[in-house]
PDB file of all heavy atoms in Angstrom:
ATOM      1  N   GLU A   1       0.813  -1.214   0.000  1.00  0.00           N
ATOM      2  CA  GLU A   1       0.000   0.000   0.000  1.00  0.00           C
ATOM      3  C   GLU A   1       0.843   1.258   0.000  1.00  0.00           C
ATOM      4  O   GLU A   1       0.391   2.318  -0.443  1.00  0.00           O
ATOM      5  CB  GLU A   1      -0.929   0.022   1.224  1.00  0.00           C
ATOM      6  CG  GLU A   1      -2.021  -1.021   1.215  1.00  0.00           C
ATOM      7  CD  GLU A   1      -2.968  -0.827   2.375  1.00  0.00           C
ATOM      8  OE1 GLU A   1      -3.313   0.339   2.669  1.00  0.00           O
ATOM      9  OE2 GLU A   1      -3.367  -1.821   2.998  1.00  0.00           O
ATOM     10  N   ILE A   2       2.063   1.170   0.512  1.00  0.00           N
ATOM     11  CA  ILE A   2       2.895   2.374   0.628  1.00  0.00           C
ATOM     12  C   ILE A   2       4.133   2.313  -0.262  1.00  0.00           C
ATOM     13  O   ILE A   2       4.935   3.247  -0.262  1.00  0.00           O
ATOM     14  CB  ILE A   2       3.319   2.623   2.083  1.00  0.00           C
ATOM     15  CG1 ILE A   2       4.121   1.431   2.616  1.00  0.00           C
ATOM     16  CG2 ILE A   2       2.103   2.885   2.968  1.00  0.00           C
ATOM     17  CD1 ILE A   2       4.749   1.693   3.981  1.00  0.00           C
ATOM     18  N   ALA A   3       4.328   1.220  -1.000  1.00  0.00           N
ATOM     19  CA  ALA A   3       5.500   1.075  -1.865  1.00  0.00           C
ATOM     20  C   ALA A   3       5.569   2.230  -2.879  1.00  0.00           C
ATOM     21  O   ALA A   3       4.530   2.715  -3.341  1.00  0.00           O
ATOM     22  CB  ALA A   3       5.444  -0.268  -2.582  1.00  0.00           C
ATOM     23  N   PRO A   4       6.778   2.698  -3.214  1.00  0.00           N
ATOM     24  CA  PRO A   4       8.097   2.168  -2.825  1.00  0.00           C
ATOM     25  C   PRO A   4       8.580   2.635  -1.453  1.00  0.00           C
ATOM     26  O   PRO A   4       9.709   2.347  -1.079  1.00  0.00           O
ATOM     27  CB  PRO A   4       9.008   2.713  -3.925  1.00  0.00           C
ATOM     28  CG  PRO A   4       8.407   4.043  -4.237  1.00  0.00           C
ATOM     29  CD  PRO A   4       6.916   3.842  -4.148  1.00  0.00           C
ATOM     30  N   ASN A   5       7.742   3.381  -0.722  1.00  0.00           N
ATOM     31  CA  ASN A   5       8.112   3.754   0.637  1.00  0.00           C
ATOM     32  C   ASN A   5       8.075   2.523   1.537  1.00  0.00           C
ATOM     33  O   ASN A   5       7.423   1.523   1.220  1.00  0.00           O
ATOM     34  CB  ASN A   5       7.175   4.842   1.163  1.00  0.00           C
ATOM     35  CG  ASN A   5       7.299   6.132   0.373  1.00  0.00           C
ATOM     36  OD1 ASN A   5       8.380   6.470  -0.105  1.00  0.00           O
ATOM     37  ND2 ASN A   5       6.199   6.856   0.224  1.00  0.00           N
ATOM     38  N   THR A   6       8.757   2.580   2.662  1.00  0.00           N
ATOM     39  CA  THR A   6       8.899   1.429   3.540  1.00  0.00           C
ATOM     40  C   THR A   6       8.564   1.819   4.976  1.00  0.00           C
ATOM     41  O   THR A   6       8.399   3.006   5.288  1.00  0.00           O
ATOM     42  CB  THR A   6      10.333   0.873   3.462  1.00  0.00           C
ATOM     43  OG1 THR A   6      11.269   1.953   3.648  1.00  0.00           O
ATOM     44  CG2 THR A   6      10.582   0.224   2.106  1.00  0.00           C
ATOM     45  N   ILE A   7       8.487   0.814   5.846  1.00  0.00           N
ATOM     46  CA  ILE A   7       8.031   1.063   7.212  1.00  0.00           C
ATOM     47  C   ILE A   7       8.693   0.090   8.177  1.00  0.00           C
ATOM     48  O   ILE A   7       9.046  -1.039   7.798  1.00  0.00           O
ATOM     49  CB  ILE A   7       6.489   0.935   7.288  1.00  0.00           C
ATOM     50  CG1 ILE A   7       5.942   1.504   8.594  1.00  0.00           C
ATOM     51  CG2 ILE A   7       6.060  -0.511   7.098  1.00  0.00           C
ATOM     52  CD1 ILE A   7       4.431   1.677   8.579  1.00  0.00           C
ATOM     53  N   SER A   8       8.894   0.538   9.425  1.00  0.00           N
ATOM     54  CA  SER A   8       9.403  -0.348  10.471  1.00  0.00           C
ATOM     55  C   SER A   8       8.967   0.193  11.824  1.00  0.00           C
ATOM     56  O   SER A   8       8.470   1.326  11.931  1.00  0.00           O
ATOM     57  CB  SER A   8      10.939  -0.471  10.410  1.00  0.00           C
ATOM     58  OG  SER A   8      11.549   0.785  10.651  1.00  0.00           O
ATOM     59  N   TYR A   9       9.167  -0.627  12.862  1.00  0.00           N
ATOM     60  CA  TYR A   9       8.701  -0.300  14.203  1.00  0.00           C
ATOM     61  C   TYR A   9       9.761  -0.692  15.230  1.00  0.00           C
ATOM     62  O   TYR A   9      10.418  -1.721  15.074  1.00  0.00           O
ATOM     63  CB  TYR A   9       7.413  -1.058  14.533  1.00  0.00           C
ATOM     64  CG  TYR A   9       6.391  -1.099  13.423  1.00  0.00           C
ATOM     65  CD1 TYR A   9       6.439  -2.098  12.444  1.00  0.00           C
ATOM     66  CD2 TYR A   9       5.371  -0.152  13.343  1.00  0.00           C
ATOM     67  CE1 TYR A   9       5.506  -2.141  11.418  1.00  0.00           C
ATOM     68  CE2 TYR A   9       4.440  -0.192  12.325  1.00  0.00           C
ATOM     69  CZ  TYR A   9       4.507  -1.188  11.355  1.00  0.00           C
ATOM     70  OH  TYR A   9       3.586  -1.229  10.343  1.00  0.00           O
ATOM     71  N   PRO A  10       9.915   0.101  16.295  1.00  0.00           N
ATOM     72  CA  PRO A  10      10.772  -0.363  17.396  1.00  0.00           C
ATOM     73  C   PRO A  10      10.121  -1.566  18.073  1.00  0.00           C
ATOM     74  O   PRO A  10       8.917  -1.791  17.928  1.00  0.00           O
ATOM     75  CB  PRO A  10      10.845   0.842  18.333  1.00  0.00           C
ATOM     76  CG  PRO A  10       9.611   1.637  18.035  1.00  0.00           C
ATOM     77  CD  PRO A  10       9.324   1.426  16.577  1.00  0.00           C
ATOM     78  N   SER A  11      10.916  -2.330  18.822  1.00  0.00           N
ATOM     79  CA  SER A  11      10.387  -3.544  19.442  1.00  0.00           C
ATOM     80  C   SER A  11       9.343  -3.243  20.509  1.00  0.00           C
ATOM     81  O   SER A  11       8.507  -4.091  20.831  1.00  0.00           O
ATOM     82  CB  SER A  11      11.531  -4.366  20.049  1.00  0.00           C
ATOM     83  OG  SER A  11      12.281  -3.588  20.965  1.00  0.00           O
ATOM     84  N   ALA A  12       9.369  -2.034  21.061  1.00  0.00           N
ATOM     85  CA  ALA A  12       8.348  -1.594  22.011  1.00  0.00           C
ATOM     86  C   ALA A  12       8.328  -0.067  21.996  1.00  0.00           C
ATOM     87  O   ALA A  12       9.297   0.585  21.593  1.00  0.00           O
ATOM     88  CB  ALA A  12       8.640  -2.112  23.422  1.00  0.00           C
ATOM     89  N   ALA A  13       7.198   0.500  22.446  1.00  0.00           N
ATOM     90  CA  ALA A  13       7.018   1.953  22.362  1.00  0.00           C
ATOM     91  C   ALA A  13       7.650   2.651  23.567  1.00  0.00           C
ATOM     92  O   ALA A  13       6.967   3.137  24.466  1.00  0.00           O
ATOM     93  CB  ALA A  13       5.532   2.296  22.259  1.00  0.00           C
ATOM     94  N   THR A  14       8.985   2.693  23.573  1.00  0.00           N
ATOM     95  CA  THR A  14       9.715   3.437  24.599  1.00  0.00           C
ATOM     96  C   THR A  14      10.747   4.314  23.894  1.00  0.00           C
ATOM     97  O   THR A  14      11.255   3.934  22.833  1.00  0.00           O
ATOM     98  CB  THR A  14      10.441   2.511  25.590  1.00  0.00           C
ATOM     99  OG1 THR A  14      11.533   1.856  24.926  1.00  0.00           O
ATOM    100  CG2 THR A  14       9.476   1.462  26.148  1.00  0.00           C
ATOM    101  N   PRO A  15      11.083   5.469  24.470  1.00  0.00           N
ATOM    102  CA  PRO A  15      12.074   6.341  23.826  1.00  0.00           C
ATOM    103  C   PRO A  15      13.419   5.657  23.589  1.00  0.00           C
ATOM    104  O   PRO A  15      14.039   5.827  22.539  1.00  0.00           O
ATOM    105  CB  PRO A  15      12.194   7.508  24.812  1.00  0.00           C
ATOM    106  CG  PRO A  15      10.865   7.566  25.495  1.00  0.00           C
ATOM    107  CD  PRO A  15      10.462   6.125  25.642  1.00  0.00           C
ATOM    108  N   THR A  16      13.897   4.869  24.550  1.00  0.00           N
ATOM    109  CA  THR A  16      15.199   4.221  24.404  1.00  0.00           C
ATOM    110  C   THR A  16      15.213   3.229  23.250  1.00  0.00           C
ATOM    111  O   THR A  16      16.130   3.223  22.415  1.00  0.00           O
ATOM    112  CB  THR A  16      15.589   3.496  25.708  1.00  0.00           C
ATOM    113  OG1 THR A  16      15.670   4.450  26.776  1.00  0.00           O
ATOM    114  CG2 THR A  16      16.931   2.805  25.556  1.00  0.00           C
ATOM    115  N   LEU A  17      14.185   2.389  23.168  1.00  0.00           N
ATOM    116  CA  LEU A  17      14.110   1.410  22.086  1.00  0.00           C
ATOM    117  C   LEU A  17      13.873   2.101  20.745  1.00  0.00           C
ATOM    118  O   LEU A  17      14.337   1.623  19.704  1.00  0.00           O
ATOM    119  CB  LEU A  17      13.016   0.391  22.376  1.00  0.00           C
ATOM    120  CG  LEU A  17      13.295  -0.538  23.563  1.00  0.00           C
ATOM    121  CD1 LEU A  17      12.111  -1.463  23.810  1.00  0.00           C
ATOM    122  CD2 LEU A  17      14.563  -1.360  23.315  1.00  0.00           C
ATOM    123  N   LEU A  18      13.175   3.226  20.757  1.00  0.00           N
ATOM    124  CA  LEU A  18      12.999   3.998  19.530  1.00  0.00           C
ATOM    125  C   LEU A  18      14.346   4.498  19.022  1.00  0.00           C
ATOM    126  O   LEU A  18      14.663   4.380  17.831  1.00  0.00           O
ATOM    127  CB  LEU A  18      12.058   5.175  19.782  1.00  0.00           C
ATOM    128  CG  LEU A  18      11.893   6.160  18.615  1.00  0.00           C
ATOM    129  CD1 LEU A  18      11.240   5.491  17.425  1.00  0.00           C
ATOM    130  CD2 LEU A  18      11.075   7.373  19.076  1.00  0.00           C
ATOM    131  N   LEU A  19      15.159   5.064  19.914  1.00  0.00           N
ATOM    132  CA  LEU A  19      16.478   5.548  19.515  1.00  0.00           C
ATOM    133  C   LEU A  19      17.345   4.406  19.000  1.00  0.00           C
ATOM    134  O   LEU A  19      18.017   4.547  17.958  1.00  0.00           O
ATOM    135  CB  LEU A  19      17.159   6.232  20.692  1.00  0.00           C
ATOM    136  CG  LEU A  19      18.579   6.738  20.440  1.00  0.00           C
ATOM    137  CD1 LEU A  19      18.606   7.785  19.343  1.00  0.00           C
ATOM    138  CD2 LEU A  19      19.187   7.296  21.721  1.00  0.00           C
ATOM    139  N   ASN A  20      17.336   3.277  19.685  1.00  0.00           N
ATOM    140  CA  ASN A  20      18.127   2.130  19.235  1.00  0.00           C
ATOM    141  C   ASN A  20      17.706   1.692  17.840  1.00  0.00           C
ATOM    142  O   ASN A  20      18.551   1.369  16.992  1.00  0.00           O
ATOM    143  CB  ASN A  20      17.965   0.966  20.213  1.00  0.00           C
ATOM    144  CG  ASN A  20      18.590   1.249  21.565  1.00  0.00           C
ATOM    145  OD1 ASN A  20      19.402   2.155  21.706  1.00  0.00           O
ATOM    146  ND2 ASN A  20      18.191   0.485  22.575  1.00  0.00           N
ATOM    147  N   HIS A  21      16.400   1.680  17.596  1.00  0.00           N
ATOM    148  CA  HIS A  21      15.887   1.258  16.296  1.00  0.00           C
ATOM    149  C   HIS A  21      16.350   2.211  15.191  1.00  0.00           C
ATOM    150  O   HIS A  21      16.800   1.772  14.122  1.00  0.00           O
ATOM    151  CB  HIS A  21      14.361   1.197  16.346  1.00  0.00           C
ATOM    152  CG  HIS A  21      13.730   0.763  15.070  1.00  0.00           C
ATOM    153  ND1 HIS A  21      13.809  -0.521  14.585  1.00  0.00           N
ATOM    154  CD2 HIS A  21      13.004   1.461  14.140  1.00  0.00           C
ATOM    155  CE1 HIS A  21      13.169  -0.610  13.427  1.00  0.00           C
ATOM    156  NE2 HIS A  21      12.673   0.579  13.135  1.00  0.00           N
ATOM    157  N   ILE A  22      16.249   3.507  15.452  1.00  0.00           N
ATOM    158  CA  ILE A  22      16.653   4.486  14.434  1.00  0.00           C
ATOM    159  C   ILE A  22      18.158   4.425  14.184  1.00  0.00           C
ATOM    160  O   ILE A  22      18.617   4.494  13.030  1.00  0.00           O
ATOM    161  CB  ILE A  22      16.219   5.902  14.857  1.00  0.00           C
ATOM    162  CG1 ILE A  22      14.691   6.002  14.862  1.00  0.00           C
ATOM    163  CG2 ILE A  22      16.812   6.955  13.912  1.00  0.00           C
ATOM    164  CD1 ILE A  22      14.165   7.335  15.364  1.00  0.00           C
ATOM    165  N   GLU A  23      18.943   4.273  15.236  1.00  0.00           N
ATOM    166  CA  GLU A  23      20.396   4.183  15.068  1.00  0.00           C
ATOM    167  C   GLU A  23      20.767   2.941  14.256  1.00  0.00           C
ATOM    168  O   GLU A  23      21.684   2.973  13.424  1.00  0.00           O
ATOM    169  CB  GLU A  23      21.087   4.155  16.435  1.00  0.00           C
ATOM    170  CG  GLU A  23      20.949   5.438  17.244  1.00  0.00           C
ATOM    171  CD  GLU A  23      21.734   6.607  16.662  1.00  0.00           C
ATOM    172  OE1 GLU A  23      22.261   6.494  15.537  1.00  0.00           O
ATOM    173  OE2 GLU A  23      21.819   7.645  17.334  1.00  0.00           O
ATOM    174  N   ASP A  24      20.060   1.829  14.476  1.00  0.00           N
ATOM    175  CA  ASP A  24      20.303   0.622  13.686  1.00  0.00           C
ATOM    176  C   ASP A  24      19.951   0.856  12.218  1.00  0.00           C
ATOM    177  O   ASP A  24      20.675   0.409  11.313  1.00  0.00           O
ATOM    178  CB  ASP A  24      19.484  -0.548  14.236  1.00  0.00           C
ATOM    179  CG  ASP A  24      20.026  -1.061  15.568  1.00  0.00           C
ATOM    180  OD1 ASP A  24      21.181  -0.750  15.897  1.00  0.00           O
ATOM    181  OD2 ASP A  24      19.263  -1.752  16.278  1.00  0.00           O
ATOM    182  N   LEU A  25      18.858   1.558  11.964  1.00  0.00           N
ATOM    183  CA  LEU A  25      18.469   1.857  10.580  1.00  0.00           C
ATOM    184  C   LEU A  25      19.516   2.721   9.888  1.00  0.00           C
ATOM    185  O   LEU A  25      19.833   2.518   8.713  1.00  0.00           O
ATOM    186  CB  LEU A  25      17.120   2.580  10.561  1.00  0.00           C
ATOM    187  CG  LEU A  25      15.865   1.752  10.803  1.00  0.00           C
ATOM    188  CD1 LEU A  25      14.639   2.676  10.931  1.00  0.00           C
ATOM    189  CD2 LEU A  25      15.649   0.756   9.672  1.00  0.00           C
ATOM    190  N   LYS A  26      20.048   3.691  10.610  1.00  0.00           N
ATOM    191  CA  LYS A  26      21.036   4.606  10.025  1.00  0.00           C
ATOM    192  C   LYS A  26      22.324   3.881   9.651  1.00  0.00           C
ATOM    193  O   LYS A  26      23.059   4.339   8.769  1.00  0.00           O
ATOM    194  CB  LYS A  26      21.333   5.741  11.005  1.00  0.00           C
ATOM    195  CG  LYS A  26      20.177   6.726  11.164  1.00  0.00           C
ATOM    196  CD  LYS A  26      20.398   7.670  12.324  1.00  0.00           C
ATOM    197  CE  LYS A  26      21.652   8.488  12.163  1.00  0.00           C
ATOM    198  NZ  LYS A  26      21.880   9.412  13.310  1.00  0.00           N
ATOM    199  N   LYS A  27      22.606   2.762  10.288  1.00  0.00           N
ATOM    200  CA  LYS A  27      23.776   1.971   9.923  1.00  0.00           C
ATOM    201  C   LYS A  27      23.557   1.233   8.603  1.00  0.00           C
ATOM    202  O   LYS A  27      24.521   0.901   7.898  1.00  0.00           O
ATOM    203  CB  LYS A  27      24.093   0.964  11.025  1.00  0.00           C
ATOM    204  CG  LYS A  27      24.520   1.606  12.338  1.00  0.00           C
ATOM    205  CD  LYS A  27      24.695   0.559  13.423  1.00  0.00           C
ATOM    206  CE  LYS A  27      25.042   1.203  14.761  1.00  0.00           C
ATOM    207  NZ  LYS A  27      25.139   0.194  15.859  1.00  0.00           N
ATOM    208  N   LEU A  28      22.292   0.980   8.283  1.00  0.00           N
ATOM    209  CA  LEU A  28      21.963   0.218   7.074  1.00  0.00           C
ATOM    210  C   LEU A  28      21.613   1.105   5.887  1.00  0.00           C
ATOM    211  O   LEU A  28      21.809   0.712   4.737  1.00  0.00           O
ATOM    212  CB  LEU A  28      20.777  -0.719   7.373  1.00  0.00           C
ATOM    213  CG  LEU A  28      20.988  -1.753   8.481  1.00  0.00           C
ATOM    214  CD1 LEU A  28      19.679  -2.494   8.746  1.00  0.00           C
ATOM    215  CD2 LEU A  28      22.091  -2.733   8.094  1.00  0.00           C
ATOM    216  N   ARG A  29      21.086   2.302   6.169  1.00  0.00           N
ATOM    217  CA  ARG A  29      20.617   3.184   5.101  1.00  0.00           C
ATOM    218  C   ARG A  29      21.080   4.609   5.354  1.00  0.00           C
ATOM    219  O   ARG A  29      21.258   5.022   6.504  1.00  0.00           O
ATOM    220  CB  ARG A  29      19.080   3.150   5.005  1.00  0.00           C
ATOM    221  CG  ARG A  29      18.521   1.793   4.651  1.00  0.00           C
ATOM    222  CD  ARG A  29      17.009   1.798   4.636  1.00  0.00           C
ATOM    223  NE  ARG A  29      16.453   2.817   3.752  1.00  0.00           N
ATOM    224  CZ  ARG A  29      15.151   2.934   3.493  1.00  0.00           C
ATOM    225  NH1 ARG A  29      14.294   2.088   4.056  1.00  0.00           N
ATOM    226  NH2 ARG A  29      14.706   3.874   2.694  1.00  0.00           N
ATOM    227  N   ASN A  30      21.245   5.334   4.269  1.00  0.00           N
ATOM    228  CA  ASN A  30      21.619   6.742   4.368  1.00  0.00           C
ATOM    229  C   ASN A  30      20.370   7.600   4.211  1.00  0.00           C
ATOM    230  O   ASN A  30      19.734   7.610   3.147  1.00  0.00           O
ATOM    231  CB  ASN A  30      22.635   7.100   3.284  1.00  0.00           C
ATOM    232  CG  ASN A  30      23.006   8.566   3.334  1.00  0.00           C
ATOM    233  OD1 ASN A  30      23.195   9.138   4.405  1.00  0.00           O
ATOM    234  ND2 ASN A  30      23.098   9.195   2.164  1.00  0.00           N
ATOM    235  N   PHE A  31      20.001   8.316   5.262  1.00  0.00           N
ATOM    236  CA  PHE A  31      18.852   9.210   5.220  1.00  0.00           C
ATOM    237  C   PHE A  31      19.341  10.652   5.101  1.00  0.00           C
ATOM    238  O   PHE A  31      20.185  11.087   5.886  1.00  0.00           O
ATOM    239  CB  PHE A  31      17.990   9.055   6.473  1.00  0.00           C
ATOM    240  CG  PHE A  31      17.364   7.697   6.618  1.00  0.00           C
ATOM    241  CD1 PHE A  31      17.866   6.781   7.535  1.00  0.00           C
ATOM    242  CD2 PHE A  31      16.288   7.333   5.821  1.00  0.00           C
ATOM    243  CE1 PHE A  31      17.295   5.534   7.663  1.00  0.00           C
ATOM    244  CE2 PHE A  31      15.713   6.073   5.946  1.00  0.00           C
ATOM    245  CZ  PHE A  31      16.219   5.169   6.862  1.00  0.00           C
ATOM    246  N   ASP A  32      18.794  11.374   4.132  1.00  0.00           N
ATOM    247  CA  ASP A  32      19.198  12.764   3.936  1.00  0.00           C
ATOM    248  C   ASP A  32      18.638  13.671   5.020  1.00  0.00           C
ATOM    249  O   ASP A  32      19.188  14.746   5.268  1.00  0.00           O
ATOM    250  CB  ASP A  32      18.741  13.242   2.550  1.00  0.00           C
ATOM    251  CG  ASP A  32      19.437  12.480   1.431  1.00  0.00           C
ATOM    252  OD1 ASP A  32      20.551  12.868   1.067  1.00  0.00           O
ATOM    253  OD2 ASP A  32      18.864  11.480   0.942  1.00  0.00           O
ATOM    254  N   ALA A  33      17.544  13.257   5.641  1.00  0.00           N
ATOM    255  CA  ALA A  33      16.940  14.056   6.707  1.00  0.00           C
ATOM    256  C   ALA A  33      16.000  13.179   7.522  1.00  0.00           C
ATOM    257  O   ALA A  33      15.546  12.124   7.059  1.00  0.00           O
ATOM    258  CB  ALA A  33      16.181  15.255   6.128  1.00  0.00           C
ATOM    259  N   ILE A  34      15.721  13.627   8.733  1.00  0.00           N
ATOM    260  CA  ILE A  34      14.705  13.000   9.580  1.00  0.00           C
ATOM    261  C   ILE A  34      13.611  14.029   9.812  1.00  0.00           C
ATOM    262  O   ILE A  34      13.884  15.144  10.261  1.00  0.00           O
ATOM    263  CB  ILE A  34      15.290  12.546  10.929  1.00  0.00           C
ATOM    264  CG1 ILE A  34      16.331  11.451  10.713  1.00  0.00           C
ATOM    265  CG2 ILE A  34      14.189  12.047  11.860  1.00  0.00           C
ATOM    266  CD1 ILE A  34      17.008  10.985  12.008  1.00  0.00           C
ATOM    267  N   LEU A  35      12.382  13.659   9.486  1.00  0.00           N
ATOM    268  CA  LEU A  35      11.223  14.530   9.706  1.00  0.00           C
ATOM    269  C   LEU A  35      10.395  13.951  10.840  1.00  0.00           C
ATOM    270  O   LEU A  35       9.872  12.836  10.732  1.00  0.00           O
ATOM    271  CB  LEU A  35      10.376  14.646   8.434  1.00  0.00           C
ATOM    272  CG  LEU A  35       9.044  15.405   8.573  1.00  0.00           C
ATOM    273  CD1 LEU A  35       9.282  16.843   9.036  1.00  0.00           C
ATOM    274  CD2 LEU A  35       8.274  15.387   7.260  1.00  0.00           C
ATOM    275  N   VAL A  36      10.275  14.704  11.920  1.00  0.00           N
ATOM    276  CA  VAL A  36       9.547  14.260  13.104  1.00  0.00           C
ATOM    277  C   VAL A  36       8.175  14.916  13.131  1.00  0.00           C
ATOM    278  O   VAL A  36       8.064  16.143  13.049  1.00  0.00           O
ATOM    279  CB  VAL A  36      10.312  14.634  14.394  1.00  0.00           C
ATOM    280  CG1 VAL A  36       9.547  14.148  15.628  1.00  0.00           C
ATOM    281  CG2 VAL A  36      11.717  14.062  14.368  1.00  0.00           C
TER     282      VAL A  36
END
């Protein structure tokens, strides 16, 4: 439904796990910007 865009989720809804998830993504992909 959202292709070619993609989606993912942290393992739980906590700030720490959210940061870990984003940092892991940044190691795999290059993002030109983060929009919050």
